[in-house]
Amino acid sequence: MALHLTLGFAFGLLGNIISFLVCLAPIPTFYQICKKKTSEGFQSFPYVIALLSAMLWLFYAYFAEDATLLISVNSITFCMETAYLSLYFFYASKKDKIITMKSVLLFNVFGFGIISIIAMFLTHGKERVKLLGWICMIFALSVFVAPLGIVRKVIQTKSVEFMPFSLSLFLTLSAVMWFFYGFLRRDFFVAIPNTLGFIFGAFQMLLYVIYRKPRKSLEKPTLDESPEHVIDVPKPDETICCELNTGHEVVEDKLVEEQPKQINQDKDLSDTV
C-alpha cells in the first residue's frame, strides 16, 4: 500500500511538471498578440474551457481525500488561463470582447454556479465527491474528444501544419502520468478520462509520423509535356518589321531616282557617237 502511494505521488508530481509545460504552450501566441496589439485571428474559447476545467477539478479536489497534487496543478492552470484571458480581453476588438464576456458568463459563472449549487445543497459527503467526480470525468472526456476536428483536418489535407508534434507529445505524456496517478490511488475519476487522452494523443503522433513529409509525385513527364522538348519560336518584333519595311522602301526609292539618270547618260552617249 505504501509503495502504491509513493508511486502515485511520483506520477502526480511528474504530471504537475508536464501539465505546467502544457500550460506554457500558448505563450508564443500571446507574444504575437502583445507584439501586434491585437487578438485578431485568435479565439478565446479554448482558454474559457481550460479555465472551467481547472475550476471543476479544484472543486472536486477540495472535497476529495488527499488530493494536494490535483489542487496544485489546477491552481497553476487557473492562474495562467485567467492571465491569458485577461490579455486577450485587453487587446481584443469590441466584437471579440463581447463574445469572450458572453462565454465567460455562460460557462465560468452560470455553468459553474449551477454545478456548485447542486453539489453543495443537494448532496453530502461521498455523494458530493462522486457527483463532482462524474462531472469532471465527463467534461474531461469531452475535452479530449475535441481535437478530433484537427485530426479530421490532418487526414483530409494530409498535412500536420495545424497539429504541432510537441503539444501532442506533452498532452500524451500528461495523460499517462495522470492515468497512473489515478490508478495507483484508486481515483478512477482521474484515471478513466486520461486513458482516452492517451489513446487520442498516441493517434495524433501516429498521424504526424505518417503525414509529416509531403508526398512526391512518382509520375514522369511525357515527351509532349516535358519542357526540354518544346521549341519556342519567337515572334519577330514589330519595330524590327518596321525597320525592315522602311529599309526596303528606301532601296526602292533610290532605284527609281537612279533609273532616269541612267537613261539620260545612255542617251547623251548615243548622241555623241
Protein backbone atom coordinates (compact mmCIF):
# COMPACT_ATOMS: atom_id res chain seq x y z
CA MET A 1 0.00 0.00 0.00
CA ALA A 2 2.83 2.38 0.89
CA LEU A 3 4.56 1.60 -2.42
CA HIS A 4 1.34 2.43 -4.31
CA LEU A 5 1.07 5.76 -2.54
CA THR A 6 4.73 6.57 -3.21
CA LEU A 7 4.45 5.72 -6.90
CA GLY A 8 1.18 7.61 -7.10
CA PHE A 9 2.84 10.68 -5.62
CA ALA A 10 5.75 10.36 -8.08
CA PHE A 11 3.42 10.15 -11.10
CA GLY A 12 1.36 13.03 -9.73
CA LEU A 13 4.48 15.16 -9.33
CA LEU A 14 5.57 14.37 -12.89
CA GLY A 15 2.02 15.14 -14.03
CA ASN A 16 2.29 18.56 -12.37
CA ILE A 17 5.53 19.32 -14.20
CA ILE A 18 4.28 18.20 -17.62
CA SER A 19 0.91 19.91 -17.19
CA PHE A 20 2.76 23.12 -16.35
CA LEU A 21 4.72 22.82 -19.61
CA VAL A 22 1.45 22.30 -21.47
CA CYS A 23 0.11 25.49 -19.86
CA LEU A 24 3.12 27.36 -21.26
CA ALA A 25 2.25 26.35 -24.85
CA PRO A 26 0.07 29.44 -25.59
CA ILE A 27 2.89 31.87 -24.67
CA PRO A 28 4.09 32.31 -28.32
CA THR A 29 0.50 33.06 -29.34
CA PHE A 30 0.12 35.78 -26.71
CA TYR A 31 3.56 37.13 -27.54
CA GLN A 32 2.28 37.77 -31.05
CA ILE A 33 -0.92 39.31 -29.65
CA CYS A 34 1.05 41.69 -27.44
CA LYS A 35 3.50 42.50 -30.22
CA LYS A 36 0.77 43.29 -32.75
CA LYS A 37 -1.50 44.75 -30.06
CA THR A 38 -4.47 42.90 -31.46
CA SER A 39 -6.07 39.50 -30.87
CA GLU A 40 -7.49 39.34 -34.38
CA GLY A 41 -7.23 35.83 -35.84
CA PHE A 42 -7.25 34.10 -32.44
CA GLN A 43 -10.15 32.68 -30.42
CA SER A 44 -10.71 32.88 -26.67
CA PHE A 45 -12.96 29.81 -26.38
CA PRO A 46 -10.15 27.26 -25.70
CA TYR A 47 -8.97 29.34 -22.74
CA VAL A 48 -12.51 29.68 -21.40
CA ILE A 49 -12.90 25.88 -21.45
CA ALA A 50 -9.46 25.32 -19.91
CA LEU A 51 -10.37 27.73 -17.11
CA LEU A 52 -13.65 25.92 -16.48
CA SER A 53 -11.81 22.57 -16.36
CA ALA A 54 -9.39 23.91 -13.74
CA MET A 55 -12.29 25.28 -11.67
CA LEU A 56 -14.15 21.95 -11.73
CA TRP A 57 -11.10 19.91 -10.75
CA LEU A 58 -10.27 22.34 -7.96
CA PHE A 59 -13.81 21.99 -6.64
CA TYR A 60 -13.54 18.20 -6.82
CA ALA A 61 -10.09 18.08 -5.21
CA TYR A 62 -11.26 20.29 -2.31
CA PHE A 63 -13.71 17.58 -1.19
CA ALA A 64 -11.66 14.51 -2.23
CA GLU A 65 -9.23 12.85 0.16
CA ASP A 66 -5.52 13.73 -0.09
CA ALA A 67 -5.72 15.50 -3.46
CA THR A 68 -2.93 18.01 -2.89
CA LEU A 69 -1.32 17.39 -6.26
CA LEU A 70 -4.64 17.95 -8.05
CA ILE A 71 -5.06 21.23 -6.19
CA SER A 72 -1.53 22.40 -7.04
CA VAL A 73 -1.70 21.71 -10.79
CA ASN A 74 -5.19 23.13 -11.22
CA SER A 75 -4.34 26.22 -9.17
CA ILE A 76 -1.48 26.94 -11.57
CA THR A 77 -3.72 26.27 -14.56
CA PHE A 78 -6.43 28.55 -13.11
CA CYS A 79 -3.98 31.44 -12.70
CA MET A 80 -2.42 31.04 -16.14
CA GLU A 81 -5.71 30.73 -18.00
CA THR A 82 -7.02 33.79 -16.17
CA ALA A 83 -3.91 35.70 -17.27
CA TYR A 84 -4.35 34.54 -20.88
CA LEU A 85 -8.00 35.61 -20.93
CA SER A 86 -7.11 38.98 -19.40
CA LEU A 87 -4.50 39.65 -22.10
CA TYR A 88 -6.88 38.50 -24.81
CA PHE A 89 -9.66 40.73 -23.50
CA PHE A 90 -7.29 43.73 -23.27
CA TYR A 91 -6.21 43.51 -26.93
CA ALA A 92 -9.48 42.18 -28.39
CA SER A 93 -11.79 44.15 -30.64
CA LYS A 94 -15.17 45.24 -29.36
CA LYS A 95 -16.87 42.29 -31.07
CA ASP A 96 -14.39 39.75 -29.64
CA LYS A 97 -14.70 41.31 -26.18
CA ILE A 98 -18.46 40.79 -26.25
CA ILE A 99 -18.06 37.16 -27.41
CA THR A 100 -15.44 36.46 -24.72
CA MET A 101 -17.54 38.05 -21.99
CA LYS A 102 -20.61 36.02 -23.00
CA SER A 103 -18.56 32.79 -22.98
CA VAL A 104 -17.11 33.52 -19.53
CA LEU A 105 -20.53 34.37 -18.12
CA LEU A 106 -22.15 31.28 -19.67
CA PHE A 107 -19.56 28.66 -18.74
CA ASN A 108 -17.43 30.00 -15.89
CA VAL A 109 -20.10 31.92 -13.97
CA PHE A 110 -23.51 30.50 -14.77
CA GLY A 111 -22.48 26.90 -15.58
CA PHE A 112 -20.05 26.54 -12.68
CA GLY A 113 -22.53 28.29 -10.39
CA ILE A 114 -25.28 25.77 -11.17
CA ILE A 115 -22.89 22.86 -10.51
CA SER A 116 -21.76 24.41 -7.23
CA ILE A 117 -25.33 24.95 -6.01
CA ILE A 118 -26.36 21.39 -6.84
CA ALA A 119 -23.23 19.91 -5.21
CA MET A 120 -23.43 22.00 -2.06
CA PHE A 121 -27.15 21.84 -1.33
CA LEU A 122 -28.37 18.57 -2.85
CA THR A 123 -25.52 16.18 -1.95
CA HIS A 124 -23.42 15.41 1.11
CA GLY A 125 -20.20 13.58 1.93
CA LYS A 126 -19.18 10.85 -0.51
CA GLU A 127 -22.18 11.51 -2.72
CA ARG A 128 -20.88 15.02 -3.34
CA VAL A 129 -17.43 13.68 -4.25
CA LYS A 130 -18.97 11.14 -6.65
CA LEU A 131 -21.18 13.76 -8.30
CA LEU A 132 -18.29 16.16 -8.80
CA GLY A 133 -16.08 13.26 -9.96
CA TRP A 134 -18.61 12.24 -12.63
CA ILE A 135 -18.99 15.83 -13.80
CA CYS A 136 -15.21 16.28 -14.04
CA MET A 137 -14.79 12.95 -15.82
CA ILE A 138 -17.48 13.69 -18.43
CA PHE A 139 -16.10 17.16 -19.00
CA ALA A 140 -12.54 15.81 -19.34
CA LEU A 141 -13.70 13.20 -21.87
CA SER A 142 -15.40 15.88 -23.94
CA VAL A 143 -12.22 17.98 -23.86
CA PHE A 144 -10.14 15.02 -25.04
CA VAL A 145 -12.60 14.35 -27.89
CA ALA A 146 -12.44 18.00 -29.06
CA PRO A 147 -9.14 17.60 -31.05
CA LEU A 148 -10.88 15.11 -33.38
CA GLY A 149 -11.69 18.10 -35.60
CA ILE A 150 -7.96 18.74 -36.06
CA VAL A 151 -7.35 15.02 -36.69
CA ARG A 152 -10.02 15.07 -39.41
CA LYS A 153 -8.40 18.12 -40.99
CA VAL A 154 -4.97 16.43 -40.97
CA ILE A 155 -6.36 13.35 -42.73
CA GLN A 156 -8.19 15.46 -45.34
CA THR A 157 -5.29 17.81 -46.11
CA LYS A 158 -2.56 15.20 -45.50
CA SER A 159 -0.65 17.92 -43.65
CA VAL A 160 0.32 18.32 -39.97
CA GLU A 161 0.64 22.10 -40.22
CA PHE A 162 -2.17 22.66 -37.71
CA MET A 163 -1.10 19.89 -35.28
CA PRO A 164 2.20 20.66 -33.50
CA PHE A 165 4.03 17.47 -32.53
CA SER A 166 5.45 18.90 -29.29
CA LEU A 167 1.99 19.78 -27.96
CA SER A 168 0.61 16.33 -28.85
CA LEU A 169 3.61 14.70 -27.16
CA PHE A 170 3.25 16.65 -23.92
CA LEU A 171 -0.51 16.09 -23.80
CA THR A 172 0.06 12.35 -24.24
CA LEU A 173 2.74 12.25 -21.53
CA SER A 174 0.47 14.24 -19.22
CA ALA A 175 -2.37 11.76 -19.80
CA VAL A 176 -0.02 8.84 -18.99
CA MET A 177 1.16 10.41 -15.74
CA TRP A 178 -2.32 11.29 -14.52
CA PHE A 179 -3.64 7.86 -15.51
CA PHE A 180 -1.10 6.11 -13.30
CA TYR A 181 -1.68 8.65 -10.55
CA GLY A 182 -5.42 7.91 -10.58
CA PHE A 183 -4.92 4.16 -10.98
CA LEU A 184 -2.45 3.81 -8.12
CA ARG A 185 -4.53 5.99 -5.81
CA ARG A 186 -7.79 4.24 -6.81
CA ASP A 187 -9.18 7.51 -8.13
CA PHE A 188 -10.88 6.31 -11.31
CA PHE A 189 -12.44 9.71 -11.96
CA VAL A 190 -8.90 10.81 -12.81
CA ALA A 191 -7.71 7.57 -14.42
CA ILE A 192 -10.57 6.86 -16.87
CA PRO A 193 -10.58 10.12 -18.88
CA ASN A 194 -6.78 10.09 -19.16
CA THR A 195 -6.98 6.63 -20.74
CA LEU A 196 -8.88 8.22 -23.63
CA GLY A 197 -6.43 11.13 -23.60
CA PHE A 198 -3.51 8.73 -24.06
CA ILE A 199 -5.25 6.93 -26.95
CA PHE A 200 -6.06 10.15 -28.79
CA GLY A 201 -2.59 11.56 -28.12
CA ALA A 202 -0.87 8.44 -29.46
CA PHE A 203 -3.15 8.53 -32.53
CA GLN A 204 -2.20 12.17 -33.19
CA MET A 205 1.51 11.36 -33.02
CA LEU A 206 0.98 8.43 -35.40
CA LEU A 207 -0.70 10.79 -37.87
CA TYR A 208 2.22 13.18 -37.50
CA VAL A 209 4.66 10.41 -38.44
CA ILE A 210 2.54 9.47 -41.47
CA TYR A 211 1.91 12.96 -42.84
CA ARG A 212 4.99 14.86 -41.68
CA LYS A 213 6.50 14.89 -45.21
CA PRO A 214 4.59 15.81 -48.38
CA ARG A 215 4.20 13.02 -50.88
CA LYS A 216 6.28 13.40 -54.02
CA SER A 217 4.77 12.59 -57.38
CA LEU A 218 6.27 9.46 -58.99
CA GLU A 219 4.88 10.17 -62.47
CA LYS A 220 7.47 11.10 -65.12
CA PRO A 221 6.65 13.78 -67.67
CA THR A 222 5.83 12.52 -71.17
CA LEU A 223 7.59 13.71 -74.29
CA ASP A 224 4.83 16.17 -75.12
CA GLU A 225 4.65 17.57 -71.56
CA SER A 226 8.40 17.84 -70.92
CA PRO A 227 9.65 21.43 -71.26
CA GLU A 228 13.00 20.18 -72.63
CA HIS A 229 11.35 19.02 -75.87
CA VAL A 230 9.34 22.17 -76.53
CA ILE A 231 10.88 24.62 -79.03
CA ASP A 232 9.72 28.15 -78.56
CA VAL A 233 9.84 30.11 -81.81
CA PRO A 234 9.98 33.81 -81.02
CA LYS A 235 7.77 36.17 -82.99
CA PRO A 236 9.53 39.00 -84.80
CA ASP A 237 9.35 42.27 -83.05
CA GLU A 238 7.16 44.95 -84.60
CA THR A 239 9.92 47.53 -84.54
CA ILE A 240 12.21 45.17 -86.44
CA CYS A 241 9.50 44.62 -89.05
CA CYS A 242 9.03 48.36 -89.41
CA GLU A 243 12.76 48.86 -89.83
CA LEU A 244 12.91 46.12 -92.46
CA ASN A 245 9.97 47.61 -94.35
CA THR A 246 11.40 51.11 -94.12
CA GLY A 247 14.75 49.92 -95.41
CA HIS A 248 13.07 48.12 -98.29
CA GLU A 249 11.15 51.28 -99.27
CA VAL A 250 14.36 53.38 -99.18
CA VAL A 251 16.09 50.96 -101.55
CA GLU A 252 13.15 51.10 -103.97
CA ASP A 253 13.15 54.93 -103.91
CA LYS A 254 16.84 55.03 -104.71
CA LEU A 255 16.33 52.67 -107.67
CA VAL A 256 13.52 54.88 -109.01
CA GLU A 257 15.69 58.00 -108.76
CA GLU A 258 18.71 56.37 -110.43
CA GLN A 259 16.79 54.90 -113.41
CA PRO A 260 16.12 58.29 -115.20
CA LYS A 261 19.73 59.33 -114.63
CA GLN A 262 20.99 56.11 -116.19
CA ILE A 263 18.64 56.63 -119.22
CA ASN A 264 19.86 60.23 -119.75
CA GLN A 265 23.50 59.13 -119.60
CA ASP A 266 22.87 56.44 -122.25
CA LYS A 267 21.09 58.97 -124.49
CA ASP A 268 23.95 61.52 -124.29
CA LEU A 269 26.43 58.81 -125.09
CA SER A 270 24.46 57.77 -128.21
CA ASP A 271 24.29 61.42 -129.48
CA THR A 272 28.00 61.86 -129.13
CA VAL A 273 28.66 58.77 -131.19
